[in-house]
Amino acid sequence: MIRAFIYVLQEVDIDQKLKDAPDDSYAIGVFIGKLLPFVVLVIIAYAIYRYNKNRIKDD
């Protein structure tokens, strides 16, 4: 029940947002906003990997 509620809240129609956009630069913002969470997760994962690699190397 809670998952369905969260899914409804997170459901975003990007095509509709692009149709209602005031100009073309809005599409760039949508693209960046879509990729930004994944880029942040990759950076965090790499930082954790690097930290653990250096910690094991020092032991």
PDB file of N, CA and C in Angstrom:
ATOM      1  N   MET A   1       0.829  -1.193   0.000  1.00  0.00           N
ATOM      2  CA  MET A   1       0.000   0.000   0.000  1.00  0.00           C
ATOM      3  C   MET A   1       0.873   1.257   0.000  1.00  0.00           C
ATOM      4  N   ILE A   2       1.891   1.269   0.859  1.00  0.00           N
ATOM      5  CA  ILE A   2       2.768   2.428   0.937  1.00  0.00           C
ATOM      6  C   ILE A   2       3.592   2.558  -0.339  1.00  0.00           C
ATOM      7  N   ARG A   3       4.035   1.436  -0.877  1.00  0.00           N
ATOM      8  CA  ARG A   3       4.829   1.478  -2.113  1.00  0.00           C
ATOM      9  C   ARG A   3       4.012   2.045  -3.262  1.00  0.00           C
ATOM     10  N   ALA A   4       2.747   1.688  -3.333  1.00  0.00           N
ATOM     11  CA  ALA A   4       1.896   2.213  -4.398  1.00  0.00           C
ATOM     12  C   ALA A   4       1.744   3.726  -4.256  1.00  0.00           C
ATOM     13  N   PHE A   5       1.602   4.203  -3.044  1.00  0.00           N
ATOM     14  CA  PHE A   5       1.474   5.632  -2.785  1.00  0.00           C
ATOM     15  C   PHE A   5       2.750   6.368  -3.193  1.00  0.00           C
ATOM     16  N   ILE A   6       3.898   5.806  -2.821  1.00  0.00           N
ATOM     17  CA  ILE A   6       5.183   6.425  -3.179  1.00  0.00           C
ATOM     18  C   ILE A   6       5.365   6.415  -4.697  1.00  0.00           C
ATOM     19  N   TYR A   7       4.964   5.335  -5.344  1.00  0.00           N
ATOM     20  CA  TYR A   7       5.084   5.257  -6.800  1.00  0.00           C
ATOM     21  C   TYR A   7       4.255   6.339  -7.475  1.00  0.00           C
ATOM     22  N   VAL A   8       3.056   6.552  -6.982  1.00  0.00           N
ATOM     23  CA  VAL A   8       2.192   7.582  -7.560  1.00  0.00           C
ATOM     24  C   VAL A   8       2.817   8.961  -7.377  1.00  0.00           C
ATOM     25  N   LEU A   9       3.428   9.206  -6.226  1.00  0.00           N
ATOM     26  CA  LEU A   9       4.064  10.502  -5.978  1.00  0.00           C
ATOM     27  C   LEU A   9       5.277  10.713  -6.873  1.00  0.00           C
ATOM     28  N   GLN A  10       6.019   9.651  -7.170  1.00  0.00           N
ATOM     29  CA  GLN A  10       7.249   9.770  -7.937  1.00  0.00           C
ATOM     30  C   GLN A  10       7.028   9.685  -9.443  1.00  0.00           C
ATOM     31  N   GLU A  11       5.850   9.312  -9.865  1.00  0.00           N
ATOM     32  CA  GLU A  11       5.584   9.161 -11.293  1.00  0.00           C
ATOM     33  C   GLU A  11       5.611  10.535 -11.967  1.00  0.00           C
ATOM     34  N   VAL A  12       6.505  10.676 -12.922  1.00  0.00           N
ATOM     35  CA  VAL A  12       6.678  11.949 -13.614  1.00  0.00           C
ATOM     36  C   VAL A  12       6.584  11.689 -15.108  1.00  0.00           C
ATOM     37  N   ASP A  13       5.781  12.469 -15.781  1.00  0.00           N
ATOM     38  CA  ASP A  13       5.654  12.354 -17.232  1.00  0.00           C
ATOM     39  C   ASP A  13       6.557  13.394 -17.879  1.00  0.00           C
ATOM     40  N   ILE A  14       7.746  12.971 -18.269  1.00  0.00           N
ATOM     41  CA  ILE A  14       8.747  13.890 -18.807  1.00  0.00           C
ATOM     42  C   ILE A  14       8.299  14.450 -20.153  1.00  0.00           C
ATOM     43  N   ASP A  15       7.641  13.632 -20.962  1.00  0.00           N
ATOM     44  CA  ASP A  15       7.181  14.124 -22.265  1.00  0.00           C
ATOM     45  C   ASP A  15       6.200  15.283 -22.093  1.00  0.00           C
ATOM     46  N   GLN A  16       5.318  15.172 -21.121  1.00  0.00           N
ATOM     47  CA  GLN A  16       4.363  16.247 -20.865  1.00  0.00           C
ATOM     48  C   GLN A  16       5.076  17.499 -20.374  1.00  0.00           C
ATOM     49  N   LYS A  17       6.088  17.324 -19.520  1.00  0.00           N
ATOM     50  CA  LYS A  17       6.858  18.476 -19.049  1.00  0.00           C
ATOM     51  C   LYS A  17       7.543  19.183 -20.212  1.00  0.00           C
ATOM     52  N   LEU A  18       8.086  18.426 -21.142  1.00  0.00           N
ATOM     53  CA  LEU A  18       8.768  19.033 -22.276  1.00  0.00           C
ATOM     54  C   LEU A  18       7.797  19.750 -23.208  1.00  0.00           C
ATOM     55  N   LYS A  19       6.569  19.223 -23.336  1.00  0.00           N
ATOM     56  CA  LYS A  19       5.565  19.889 -24.163  1.00  0.00           C
ATOM     57  C   LYS A  19       5.142  21.221 -23.544  1.00  0.00           C
ATOM     58  N   ASP A  20       5.046  21.262 -22.222  1.00  0.00           N
ATOM     59  CA  ASP A  20       4.612  22.472 -21.516  1.00  0.00           C
ATOM     60  C   ASP A  20       5.763  23.428 -21.215  1.00  0.00           C
ATOM     61  N   ALA A  21       6.959  23.101 -21.653  1.00  0.00           N
ATOM     62  CA  ALA A  21       8.144  23.903 -21.337  1.00  0.00           C
ATOM     63  C   ALA A  21       8.061  25.275 -22.000  1.00  0.00           C
ATOM     64  N   PRO A  22       8.555  26.294 -21.303  1.00  0.00           N
ATOM     65  CA  PRO A  22       8.521  27.637 -21.889  1.00  0.00           C
ATOM     66  C   PRO A  22       9.487  27.818 -23.060  1.00  0.00           C
ATOM     67  N   ASP A  23      10.629  27.125 -23.042  1.00  0.00           N
ATOM     68  CA  ASP A  23      11.586  27.227 -24.145  1.00  0.00           C
ATOM     69  C   ASP A  23      12.430  25.958 -24.215  1.00  0.00           C
ATOM     70  N   ASP A  24      13.381  25.919 -25.157  1.00  0.00           N
ATOM     71  CA  ASP A  24      14.181  24.708 -25.387  1.00  0.00           C
ATOM     72  C   ASP A  24      15.204  24.449 -24.290  1.00  0.00           C
ATOM     73  N   SER A  25      15.614  25.469 -23.579  1.00  0.00           N
ATOM     74  CA  SER A  25      16.620  25.254 -22.535  1.00  0.00           C
ATOM     75  C   SER A  25      16.055  24.440 -21.368  1.00  0.00           C
ATOM     76  N   TYR A  26      14.747  24.370 -21.261  1.00  0.00           N
ATOM     77  CA  TYR A  26      14.117  23.567 -20.219  1.00  0.00           C
ATOM     78  C   TYR A  26      14.459  22.091 -20.403  1.00  0.00           C
ATOM     79  N   ALA A  27      14.592  21.638 -21.632  1.00  0.00           N
ATOM     80  CA  ALA A  27      14.927  20.237 -21.911  1.00  0.00           C
ATOM     81  C   ALA A  27      16.302  19.891 -21.370  1.00  0.00           C
ATOM     82  N   ILE A  28      17.225  20.827 -21.429  1.00  0.00           N
ATOM     83  CA  ILE A  28      18.563  20.584 -20.890  1.00  0.00           C
ATOM     84  C   ILE A  28      18.488  20.388 -19.381  1.00  0.00           C
ATOM     85  N   GLY A  29      17.686  21.208 -18.714  1.00  0.00           N
ATOM     86  CA  GLY A  29      17.514  21.078 -17.268  1.00  0.00           C
ATOM     87  C   GLY A  29      16.878  19.757 -16.883  1.00  0.00           C
ATOM     88  N   VAL A  30      15.906  19.308 -17.655  1.00  0.00           N
ATOM     89  CA  VAL A  30      15.266  18.016 -17.391  1.00  0.00           C
ATOM     90  C   VAL A  30      16.274  16.891 -17.578  1.00  0.00           C
ATOM     91  N   PHE A  31      17.083  16.971 -18.607  1.00  0.00           N
ATOM     92  CA  PHE A  31      18.105  15.954 -18.867  1.00  0.00           C
ATOM     93  C   PHE A  31      19.114  15.894 -17.731  1.00  0.00           C
ATOM     94  N   ILE A  32      19.600  17.050 -17.300  1.00  0.00           N
ATOM     95  CA  ILE A  32      20.564  17.094 -16.198  1.00  0.00           C
ATOM     96  C   ILE A  32      19.920  16.587 -14.915  1.00  0.00           C
ATOM     97  N   GLY A  33      18.697  16.983 -14.655  1.00  0.00           N
ATOM     98  CA  GLY A  33      17.995  16.530 -13.462  1.00  0.00           C
ATOM     99  C   GLY A  33      17.750  15.033 -13.449  1.00  0.00           C
ATOM    100  N   LYS A  34      17.626  14.454 -14.620  1.00  0.00           N
ATOM    101  CA  LYS A  34      17.433  13.011 -14.721  1.00  0.00           C
ATOM    102  C   LYS A  34      18.732  12.258 -14.460  1.00  0.00           C
ATOM    103  N   LEU A  35      19.853  12.795 -14.908  1.00  0.00           N
ATOM    104  CA  LEU A  35      21.138  12.115 -14.773  1.00  0.00           C
ATOM    105  C   LEU A  35      21.839  12.397 -13.449  1.00  0.00           C
ATOM    106  N   LEU A  36      21.567  13.518 -12.840  1.00  0.00           N
ATOM    107  CA  LEU A  36      22.288  13.940 -11.645  1.00  0.00           C
ATOM    108  C   LEU A  36      22.259  12.912 -10.511  1.00  0.00           C
ATOM    109  N   PRO A  37      21.128  12.303 -10.177  1.00  0.00           N
ATOM    110  CA  PRO A  37      21.151  11.312  -9.090  1.00  0.00           C
ATOM    111  C   PRO A  37      22.080  10.128  -9.375  1.00  0.00           C
ATOM    112  N   PHE A  38      22.126   9.680 -10.614  1.00  0.00           N
ATOM    113  CA  PHE A  38      22.993   8.557 -10.963  1.00  0.00           C
ATOM    114  C   PHE A  38      24.460   8.946 -10.883  1.00  0.00           C
ATOM    115  N   VAL A  39      24.789  10.142 -11.315  1.00  0.00           N
ATOM    116  CA  VAL A  39      26.169  10.613 -11.248  1.00  0.00           C
ATOM    117  C   VAL A  39      26.614  10.714  -9.796  1.00  0.00           C
ATOM    118  N   VAL A  40      25.755  11.241  -8.942  1.00  0.00           N
ATOM    119  CA  VAL A  40      26.089  11.355  -7.519  1.00  0.00           C
ATOM    120  C   VAL A  40      26.297   9.975  -6.909  1.00  0.00           C
ATOM    121  N   LEU A  41      25.450   9.016  -7.245  1.00  0.00           N
ATOM    122  CA  LEU A  41      25.609   7.654  -6.714  1.00  0.00           C
ATOM    123  C   LEU A  41      26.907   7.015  -7.190  1.00  0.00           C
ATOM    124  N   VAL A  42      27.283   7.237  -8.434  1.00  0.00           N
ATOM    125  CA  VAL A  42      28.540   6.690  -8.948  1.00  0.00           C
ATOM    126  C   VAL A  42      29.726   7.308  -8.215  1.00  0.00           C
ATOM    127  N   ILE A  43      29.678   8.607  -7.966  1.00  0.00           N
ATOM    128  CA  ILE A  43      30.762   9.271  -7.240  1.00  0.00           C
ATOM    129  C   ILE A  43      30.867   8.742  -5.816  1.00  0.00           C
ATOM    130  N   ILE A  44      29.742   8.551  -5.154  1.00  0.00           N
ATOM    131  CA  ILE A  44      29.754   8.008  -3.792  1.00  0.00           C
ATOM    132  C   ILE A  44      30.302   6.584  -3.790  1.00  0.00           C
ATOM    133  N   ALA A  45      29.871   5.766  -4.745  1.00  0.00           N
ATOM    134  CA  ALA A  45      30.356   4.386  -4.828  1.00  0.00           C
ATOM    135  C   ALA A  45      31.861   4.353  -5.073  1.00  0.00           C
ATOM    136  N   TYR A  46      32.352   5.215  -5.939  1.00  0.00           N
ATOM    137  CA  TYR A  46      33.788   5.261  -6.213  1.00  0.00           C
ATOM    138  C   TYR A  46      34.565   5.710  -4.973  1.00  0.00           C
ATOM    139  N   ALA A  47      34.037   6.679  -4.252  1.00  0.00           N
ATOM    140  CA  ALA A  47      34.707   7.160  -3.040  1.00  0.00           C
ATOM    141  C   ALA A  47      34.790   6.050  -1.994  1.00  0.00           C
ATOM    142  N   ILE A  48      33.726   5.291  -1.838  1.00  0.00           N
ATOM    143  CA  ILE A  48      33.735   4.170  -0.895  1.00  0.00           C
ATOM    144  C   ILE A  48      34.730   3.105  -1.344  1.00  0.00           C
ATOM    145  N   TYR A  49      34.748   2.797  -2.632  1.00  0.00           N
ATOM    146  CA  TYR A  49      35.690   1.820  -3.176  1.00  0.00           C
ATOM    147  C   TYR A  49      37.122   2.269  -2.934  1.00  0.00           C
ATOM    148  N   ARG A  50      37.407   3.522  -3.247  1.00  0.00           N
ATOM    149  CA  ARG A  50      38.770   4.056  -3.082  1.00  0.00           C
ATOM    150  C   ARG A  50      39.198   4.041  -1.614  1.00  0.00           C
ATOM    151  N   TYR A  51      38.290   4.414  -0.716  1.00  0.00           N
ATOM    152  CA  TYR A  51      38.583   4.425   0.714  1.00  0.00           C
ATOM    153  C   TYR A  51      38.922   3.017   1.209  1.00  0.00           C
ATOM    154  N   ASN A  52      38.097   2.052   0.817  1.00  0.00           N
ATOM    155  CA  ASN A  52      38.333   0.666   1.258  1.00  0.00           C
ATOM    156  C   ASN A  52      39.597   0.088   0.628  1.00  0.00           C
ATOM    157  N   LYS A  53      39.883   0.434  -0.613  1.00  0.00           N
ATOM    158  CA  LYS A  53      41.100  -0.049  -1.254  1.00  0.00           C
ATOM    159  C   LYS A  53      42.345   0.479  -0.533  1.00  0.00           C
ATOM    160  N   ASN A  54      42.343   1.746  -0.197  1.00  0.00           N
ATOM    161  CA  ASN A  54      43.488   2.338   0.522  1.00  0.00           C
ATOM    162  C   ASN A  54      43.590   1.808   1.953  1.00  0.00           C
ATOM    163  N   ARG A  55      42.466   1.537   2.579  1.00  0.00           N
ATOM    164  CA  ARG A  55      42.473   1.026   3.945  1.00  0.00           C
ATOM    165  C   ARG A  55      43.062  -0.380   3.988  1.00  0.00           C
ATOM    166  N   ILE A  56      42.710  -1.216   3.027  1.00  0.00           N
ATOM    167  CA  ILE A  56      43.241  -2.582   2.966  1.00  0.00           C
ATOM    168  C   ILE A  56      44.726  -2.544   2.625  1.00  0.00           C
ATOM    169  N   LYS A  57      45.128  -1.631   1.752  1.00  0.00           N
ATOM    170  CA  LYS A  57      46.521  -1.514   1.343  1.00  0.00           C
ATOM    171  C   LYS A  57      47.405  -1.104   2.525  1.00  0.00           C
ATOM    172  N   ASP A  58      46.902  -0.261   3.424  1.00  0.00           N
ATOM    173  CA  ASP A  58      47.660   0.203   4.582  1.00  0.00           C
ATOM    174  C   ASP A  58      47.822  -0.897   5.650  1.00  0.00           C
ATOM    175  N   ASP A  59      46.916  -1.865   5.671  1.00  0.00           N
ATOM    176  CA  ASP A  59      46.986  -2.929   6.684  1.00  0.00           C
ATOM    177  C   ASP A  59      48.068  -3.898   6.406  1.00  0.00           C
TER     178      ASP A  59
END
